[in-house]
Amino acid sequence: MEKLKQLIVSIDLNNLLKIFDIQIAIGVLIFFIIFRTVFSKALIKIYYRITKNKDNAKNSVMYKPLNTFFILLGIFLMINILPTSKQILFIMNQIFKVIVIYYITKAISTLITEDSYVIKKILKNSDNKAVNKVICVILRVVLWVVFIFITLNELGYTEGLKGLGGLATGLGIGSAALALAAQDLVKSMISGVTILTDKPFVIGDWIEVGEFQGTVIDITFRSTRIKSYNNAVITIPNSTITSTYVVNWNRLTSRRFDCVLNLSLETPSEKIKKIVNEIKLLLQNDPKVIKETVEVSLSDITAYSSDIKIFLYVREAEYSKFLKAKQDILCSLLYLVEKENIDLAYPTQTVYFKKGEE
């Protein structure tokens, strides 16, 4: 009877311990669910203090992932407290390690942006946005590749650092295979590096590449995108850009203007001399015109007109402003011609009829 009583007491005690463990496990889970926002804000504020950021913690891209992470942490601890088999605990530990590695990788990935504190420190406040963007993309890709290999290592598919060594070897062989299989892609990427380092143009410049013109809106290793007059987006491979001429109109300090005034053949020579001098004086006094570049002269006499050639450079390099300056110059020329009562010529042909003998 005594042994039976001891057995009953031990069974009751075990049941009480199990119930107590379950209560503690549930309490731990509830604790992390309630205080997950507090922990998330605390970690973000610590990071903000380091980076001297004054934003609200709730607006951070890390806020929601951290909330989820702390809930998962509560579930993990709850399972470890509950009376479960060693096999289940081992599986849960492996899964939780992968989850922790994933969230750490994701947190670092969200911090790799052109405007982040860490990247600015690494790039030393580089002002080339295109290069910064490409570097951030490369860093994120490398980060996630490392995450995959570490995960495989944790799951037993690789042997420690040998996996990373295999990655390096694989990348070398893969790069050679890629260069042979996709030569055009490799050429474009090499050309992209050339464009990003030499900087023949930057985002926002108006460029002309072959038959295409437009504003540069994006530069990557493989291609460059420009927006044309009609707002169409044109993607040009970088290999094409480096193998042809590129005109960067934003680098201009002035623009050329030239035109020909076709005066009627009936215009007297004195009037032609006078109008030439007046045009030269008008243009030299125009603030939009570079005075030293003004050239005005009678250049030719054709079958129906006396041609006055006008050549100069306008200070306005921006295309829209240049068009406005060009319009003002042409209107001023027309005003002078009208003022002197000179007729502009137009193509004509005189036909003579010979009267035959009767």
Protein backbone atom coordinates (compact mmCIF):
# COMPACT_ATOMS: atom_id res chain seq x y z
CA MET A 1 0.00 0.00 0.00
CA GLU A 2 2.79 2.42 0.80
CA LYS A 3 4.43 1.91 -2.60
CA LEU A 4 1.08 2.54 -4.29
CA LYS A 5 0.63 5.77 -2.32
CA GLN A 6 4.14 6.92 -3.32
CA LEU A 7 3.39 6.13 -6.99
CA ILE A 8 0.11 8.13 -6.89
CA VAL A 9 1.87 11.08 -5.21
CA SER A 10 4.69 11.04 -7.83
CA ILE A 11 2.15 10.92 -10.68
CA ASP A 12 0.21 13.85 -9.23
CA LEU A 13 3.46 15.76 -8.74
CA ASN A 14 4.51 15.15 -12.35
CA ASN A 15 1.13 16.31 -13.58
CA LEU A 16 1.39 19.45 -11.46
CA LEU A 17 4.88 20.15 -12.85
CA LYS A 18 3.63 19.70 -16.40
CA ILE A 19 0.69 22.04 -15.77
CA PHE A 20 3.08 24.54 -14.18
CA ASP A 21 5.41 24.31 -17.22
CA ILE A 22 2.47 24.87 -19.58
CA GLN A 23 1.36 27.93 -17.62
CA ILE A 24 4.89 29.37 -17.66
CA ALA A 25 5.18 28.68 -21.42
CA ILE A 26 1.88 30.41 -22.14
CA GLY A 27 2.89 33.28 -19.87
CA VAL A 28 6.19 33.73 -21.77
CA LEU A 29 4.32 33.81 -25.10
CA ILE A 30 1.79 36.37 -23.79
CA PHE A 31 4.66 38.45 -22.37
CA PHE A 32 6.38 38.71 -25.76
CA ILE A 33 3.09 39.42 -27.56
CA ILE A 34 2.30 42.28 -25.15
CA PHE A 35 5.80 43.80 -25.01
CA ARG A 36 6.93 43.17 -28.61
CA THR A 37 6.33 46.80 -29.58
CA VAL A 38 8.30 48.03 -26.56
CA PHE A 39 11.28 45.83 -27.46
CA SER A 40 11.09 46.82 -31.14
CA LYS A 41 11.00 50.55 -30.37
CA ALA A 42 13.87 50.18 -27.89
CA LEU A 43 16.14 48.50 -30.46
CA ILE A 44 15.24 51.04 -33.16
CA LYS A 45 15.87 53.96 -30.78
CA ILE A 46 19.30 52.53 -29.92
CA TYR A 47 20.10 52.37 -33.63
CA TYR A 48 18.78 55.91 -34.13
CA ARG A 49 21.02 57.19 -31.33
CA ILE A 50 24.05 55.64 -33.02
CA THR A 51 23.13 57.07 -36.43
CA LYS A 52 21.82 60.41 -35.01
CA ASN A 53 18.42 59.88 -36.59
CA LYS A 54 15.42 61.76 -35.17
CA ASP A 55 12.62 59.91 -36.98
CA ASN A 56 9.75 58.16 -35.21
CA ALA A 57 10.54 54.50 -34.42
CA LYS A 58 7.13 53.40 -35.78
CA ASN A 59 8.02 54.80 -39.20
CA SER A 60 11.14 52.64 -39.45
CA VAL A 61 11.18 49.83 -42.02
CA MET A 62 12.52 47.56 -39.23
CA TYR A 63 9.50 48.08 -36.94
CA LYS A 64 7.13 45.41 -38.34
CA PRO A 65 9.84 42.74 -38.91
CA LEU A 66 11.02 43.19 -35.31
CA ASN A 67 7.45 42.79 -34.01
CA THR A 68 7.13 39.52 -35.90
CA PHE A 69 10.55 38.38 -34.69
CA PHE A 70 9.66 38.85 -31.01
CA ILE A 71 6.43 36.87 -31.44
CA LEU A 72 8.44 34.04 -33.01
CA LEU A 73 10.94 34.31 -30.15
CA GLY A 74 8.07 33.87 -27.67
CA ILE A 75 6.84 30.78 -29.54
CA PHE A 76 10.36 29.34 -29.57
CA LEU A 77 10.82 29.84 -25.82
CA MET A 78 7.35 28.45 -25.14
CA ILE A 79 8.17 25.23 -27.03
CA ASN A 80 11.46 24.89 -25.14
CA ILE A 81 9.66 25.23 -21.79
CA LEU A 82 6.93 22.74 -22.67
CA PRO A 83 7.66 19.05 -21.97
CA THR A 84 8.47 17.92 -25.52
CA SER A 85 10.75 15.29 -27.04
CA LYS A 86 14.40 15.99 -27.83
CA GLN A 87 13.79 15.45 -31.54
CA ILE A 88 11.13 18.16 -31.69
CA LEU A 89 13.36 20.52 -29.69
CA PHE A 90 16.25 19.90 -32.10
CA ILE A 91 14.06 20.63 -35.14
CA MET A 92 12.64 23.77 -33.50
CA ASN A 93 16.13 24.99 -32.62
CA GLN A 94 17.28 24.59 -36.24
CA ILE A 95 14.18 26.37 -37.57
CA PHE A 96 14.59 29.22 -35.08
CA LYS A 97 18.27 29.65 -36.03
CA VAL A 98 17.26 30.01 -39.68
CA ILE A 99 14.55 32.52 -38.71
CA VAL A 100 17.03 34.57 -36.66
CA ILE A 101 19.54 34.57 -39.52
CA TYR A 102 16.78 35.58 -41.95
CA TYR A 103 15.60 38.52 -39.86
CA ILE A 104 19.16 39.71 -39.24
CA THR A 105 19.84 39.53 -42.98
CA LYS A 106 16.58 41.32 -43.76
CA ALA A 107 17.32 44.07 -41.20
CA ILE A 108 20.78 44.66 -42.67
CA SER A 109 19.33 44.58 -46.21
CA THR A 110 16.80 47.30 -45.37
CA LEU A 111 19.65 49.47 -44.07
CA ILE A 112 21.59 49.17 -47.34
CA THR A 113 20.17 52.19 -49.16
CA GLU A 114 21.79 55.21 -50.79
CA ASP A 115 20.55 57.51 -48.00
CA SER A 116 21.36 55.27 -45.01
CA TYR A 117 23.90 56.34 -42.41
CA VAL A 118 26.04 53.22 -42.83
CA ILE A 119 26.29 53.44 -46.64
CA LYS A 120 27.13 57.15 -46.49
CA LYS A 121 29.99 56.35 -44.14
CA ILE A 122 31.24 53.52 -46.36
CA LEU A 123 31.00 55.55 -49.58
CA LYS A 124 32.28 58.71 -47.83
CA ASN A 125 29.33 60.85 -49.01
CA SER A 126 29.81 60.05 -52.69
CA ASP A 127 27.59 62.33 -54.81
CA ASN A 128 27.23 59.88 -57.71
CA LYS A 129 23.73 58.48 -57.10
CA ALA A 130 23.94 55.95 -59.92
CA VAL A 131 27.17 54.40 -58.56
CA ASN A 132 25.78 54.40 -55.01
CA LYS A 133 22.63 52.64 -56.19
CA VAL A 134 24.57 49.94 -58.04
CA ILE A 135 26.89 49.36 -55.06
CA CYS A 136 23.85 48.97 -52.77
CA VAL A 137 22.31 46.41 -55.14
CA ILE A 138 25.57 44.42 -55.23
CA LEU A 139 25.87 44.49 -51.42
CA ARG A 140 22.28 43.27 -51.01
CA VAL A 141 22.81 40.43 -53.50
CA VAL A 142 26.03 39.33 -51.75
CA LEU A 143 24.28 39.53 -48.37
CA TRP A 144 21.42 37.24 -49.46
CA VAL A 145 23.81 34.78 -51.15
CA VAL A 146 25.75 34.52 -47.88
CA PHE A 147 22.43 34.02 -46.04
CA ILE A 148 21.55 31.09 -48.33
CA PHE A 149 24.89 29.37 -47.71
CA ILE A 150 24.76 29.92 -43.95
CA THR A 151 21.21 28.51 -43.92
CA LEU A 152 22.27 25.47 -45.90
CA ASN A 153 25.15 25.02 -43.48
CA GLU A 154 22.81 25.12 -40.49
CA LEU A 155 20.55 22.55 -42.11
CA GLY A 156 23.50 20.24 -42.75
CA TYR A 157 23.77 20.61 -46.53
CA THR A 158 27.27 22.13 -46.50
CA GLU A 159 30.31 21.70 -44.33
CA GLY A 160 30.93 24.99 -42.58
CA LEU A 161 33.13 27.46 -44.41
CA LYS A 162 33.73 24.94 -47.18
CA GLY A 163 30.38 26.00 -48.52
CA LEU A 164 31.56 29.58 -48.84
CA GLY A 165 34.78 28.35 -50.43
CA GLY A 166 32.71 26.40 -52.90
CA LEU A 167 30.69 29.54 -53.51
CA ALA A 168 33.83 31.47 -54.45
CA THR A 169 34.97 28.67 -56.78
CA GLY A 170 31.51 28.39 -58.25
CA LEU A 171 31.35 32.12 -58.86
CA GLY A 172 34.66 31.98 -60.74
CA ILE A 173 33.57 29.12 -62.97
CA GLY A 174 30.10 30.62 -63.37
CA SER A 175 31.53 33.98 -64.41
CA ALA A 176 33.63 32.35 -67.13
CA ALA A 177 30.65 30.37 -68.39
CA LEU A 178 28.47 33.47 -68.33
CA ALA A 179 31.06 35.45 -70.30
CA LEU A 180 31.10 32.79 -73.00
CA ALA A 181 27.36 32.20 -73.11
CA ALA A 182 26.26 35.84 -72.89
CA GLN A 183 28.99 38.02 -74.36
CA ASP A 184 26.65 40.91 -75.11
CA LEU A 185 25.51 41.03 -71.49
CA VAL A 186 29.10 41.01 -70.25
CA LYS A 187 30.03 43.79 -72.71
CA SER A 188 27.10 45.88 -71.49
CA MET A 189 28.12 45.41 -67.86
CA ILE A 190 31.74 46.38 -68.59
CA SER A 191 30.46 49.40 -70.51
CA GLY A 192 28.25 50.22 -67.52
CA VAL A 193 31.31 50.34 -65.27
CA THR A 194 33.00 52.66 -67.80
CA ILE A 195 29.99 54.99 -67.88
CA LEU A 196 29.68 55.09 -64.08
CA THR A 197 33.39 55.84 -63.59
CA ASP A 198 34.04 58.21 -66.52
CA LYS A 199 30.70 60.02 -66.03
CA PRO A 200 30.06 61.22 -69.61
CA PHE A 201 26.56 61.96 -68.31
CA VAL A 202 24.60 61.67 -65.07
CA ILE A 203 20.93 61.25 -64.20
CA GLY A 204 19.04 64.37 -65.26
CA ASP A 205 21.26 65.22 -68.26
CA TRP A 206 19.78 65.64 -71.74
CA ILE A 207 21.83 63.44 -74.07
CA GLU A 208 21.85 62.34 -77.69
CA VAL A 209 22.91 58.76 -78.48
CA GLY A 210 22.82 57.98 -82.19
CA GLU A 211 19.25 58.63 -83.31
CA PHE A 212 17.84 58.89 -79.78
CA GLN A 213 17.57 61.97 -77.56
CA GLY A 214 16.17 62.37 -74.07
CA THR A 215 16.69 62.94 -70.35
CA VAL A 216 18.67 60.27 -68.48
CA ILE A 217 16.40 58.74 -65.81
CA ASP A 218 18.38 55.64 -64.79
CA ILE A 219 21.86 54.14 -65.21
CA THR A 220 22.60 50.50 -64.38
CA PHE A 221 25.45 48.12 -65.15
CA ARG A 222 23.57 46.70 -68.14
CA SER A 223 21.67 49.61 -69.68
CA THR A 224 20.76 53.29 -69.56
CA ARG A 225 17.19 54.58 -69.74
CA ILE A 226 16.25 57.95 -71.20
CA LYS A 227 12.92 59.75 -71.52
CA SER A 228 12.38 61.27 -74.98
CA TYR A 229 10.36 64.31 -76.14
CA ASN A 230 7.06 62.36 -76.15
CA ASN A 231 7.73 60.89 -72.65
CA ALA A 232 8.57 57.47 -74.12
CA VAL A 233 11.17 55.58 -72.06
CA ILE A 234 14.02 54.24 -74.23
CA THR A 235 16.35 51.55 -72.85
CA ILE A 236 19.80 51.58 -74.52
CA PRO A 237 22.40 48.85 -73.82
CA ASN A 238 25.57 50.35 -72.36
CA SER A 239 27.66 48.57 -75.01
CA THR A 240 25.81 50.61 -77.66
CA ILE A 241 26.51 53.86 -75.82
CA THR A 242 30.25 53.26 -75.48
CA SER A 243 30.57 52.20 -79.12
CA THR A 244 28.96 55.34 -80.58
CA TYR A 245 29.08 59.09 -80.02
CA VAL A 246 27.25 60.65 -77.09
CA VAL A 247 26.28 64.31 -77.08
CA ASN A 248 25.63 65.70 -73.59
CA TRP A 249 23.67 68.88 -74.19
CA ASN A 250 23.77 69.78 -70.48
CA ARG A 251 27.53 70.32 -70.73
CA LEU A 252 27.02 73.15 -73.24
CA THR A 253 27.73 76.70 -72.15
CA SER A 254 26.23 78.22 -75.33
CA ARG A 255 24.33 77.26 -78.47
CA ARG A 256 24.91 78.12 -82.10
CA PHE A 257 22.37 80.16 -84.04
CA ASP A 258 22.52 80.84 -87.78
CA CYS A 259 20.05 81.86 -90.43
CA VAL A 260 19.89 83.40 -93.91
CA LEU A 261 17.79 86.41 -94.85
CA ASN A 262 16.75 86.22 -98.52
CA LEU A 263 16.23 89.83 -99.64
CA SER A 264 14.50 90.69 -102.86
CA LEU A 265 16.78 91.41 -105.85
CA GLU A 266 15.10 94.81 -106.14
CA THR A 267 16.71 95.86 -102.84
CA PRO A 268 19.31 98.64 -103.47
CA SER A 269 22.90 97.97 -102.44
CA GLU A 270 22.85 100.97 -100.06
CA LYS A 271 19.90 99.47 -98.20
CA ILE A 272 21.66 96.11 -98.02
CA LYS A 273 24.76 97.72 -96.44
CA LYS A 274 22.57 99.64 -94.02
CA ILE A 275 20.53 96.62 -92.95
CA VAL A 276 23.71 94.55 -92.47
CA ASN A 277 25.14 97.17 -90.09
CA GLU A 278 21.85 97.53 -88.21
CA ILE A 279 21.52 93.77 -87.75
CA LYS A 280 25.10 93.52 -86.45
CA LEU A 281 24.57 96.39 -84.02
CA LEU A 282 21.26 94.93 -82.82
CA LEU A 283 22.71 91.50 -82.15
CA GLN A 284 25.87 92.77 -80.44
CA ASN A 285 23.72 94.74 -77.97
CA ASP A 286 21.48 91.76 -77.21
CA PRO A 287 22.36 90.39 -73.69
CA LYS A 288 21.42 86.86 -74.77
CA VAL A 289 24.03 86.91 -77.56
CA ILE A 290 27.81 86.46 -77.13
CA LYS A 291 28.99 89.71 -78.73
CA GLU A 292 32.33 88.41 -80.06
CA THR A 293 30.66 85.63 -82.07
CA VAL A 294 28.33 87.80 -84.18
CA GLU A 295 28.98 87.56 -87.94
CA VAL A 296 26.67 89.31 -90.45
CA SER A 297 27.47 89.71 -94.15
CA LEU A 298 26.11 89.54 -97.68
CA SER A 299 27.05 85.95 -98.52
CA ASP A 300 25.50 85.29 -101.93
CA ILE A 301 23.42 86.61 -104.81
CA THR A 302 21.18 84.00 -106.37
CA ALA A 303 18.77 84.04 -109.27
CA TYR A 304 16.01 85.52 -107.14
CA SER A 305 17.55 86.93 -103.91
CA SER A 306 20.41 88.68 -102.14
CA ASP A 307 21.36 86.47 -99.20
CA ILE A 308 22.51 87.87 -95.84
CA LYS A 309 24.18 85.24 -93.67
CA ILE A 310 23.83 85.62 -89.88
CA PHE A 311 25.93 83.55 -87.47
CA LEU A 312 26.31 83.81 -83.67
CA TYR A 313 26.26 81.95 -80.33
CA VAL A 314 23.52 82.35 -77.74
CA ARG A 315 24.31 82.20 -74.02
CA GLU A 316 21.28 80.02 -73.24
CA ALA A 317 22.42 76.36 -73.25
CA GLU A 318 19.13 74.88 -72.00
CA TYR A 319 17.08 73.89 -75.02
CA SER A 320 13.77 75.47 -74.02
CA LYS A 321 15.48 78.78 -73.15
CA PHE A 322 17.47 78.63 -76.38
CA LEU A 323 14.25 78.30 -78.40
CA LYS A 324 12.86 81.39 -76.66
CA ALA A 325 16.05 83.36 -77.38
CA LYS A 326 15.99 82.20 -81.02
CA GLN A 327 12.40 83.37 -81.37
CA ASP A 328 13.26 86.82 -79.97
CA ILE A 329 16.20 87.19 -82.39
CA LEU A 330 14.12 86.20 -85.42
CA CYS A 331 11.33 88.62 -84.47
CA SER A 332 13.89 91.42 -84.09
CA LEU A 333 15.28 90.65 -87.57
CA LEU A 334 11.80 90.73 -89.11
CA TYR A 335 11.12 94.03 -87.36
CA LEU A 336 14.27 95.58 -88.91
CA VAL A 337 13.38 94.33 -92.39
CA GLU A 338 9.86 95.74 -92.12
CA LYS A 339 11.20 99.02 -90.73
CA GLU A 340 13.43 99.49 -93.82
CA ASN A 341 10.58 98.52 -96.17
CA ILE A 342 12.61 95.66 -97.59
CA ASP A 343 10.80 92.73 -99.16
CA LEU A 344 11.92 89.19 -98.49
CA ALA A 345 12.41 87.12 -101.61
CA TYR A 346 10.78 83.87 -102.51
CA PRO A 347 11.75 81.45 -105.30
CA THR A 348 10.64 82.84 -108.65
CA GLN A 349 11.36 82.13 -112.28
CA THR A 350 10.96 84.48 -115.23
CA VAL A 351 9.83 82.97 -118.52
CA TYR A 352 10.36 84.88 -121.80
CA PHE A 353 8.28 84.10 -124.91
CA LYS A 354 9.84 84.79 -128.28
CA LYS A 355 7.37 85.98 -130.89
CA GLY A 356 7.77 83.89 -134.01
CA GLU A 357 7.76 85.23 -137.61
CA GLU A 358 4.41 85.12 -139.41
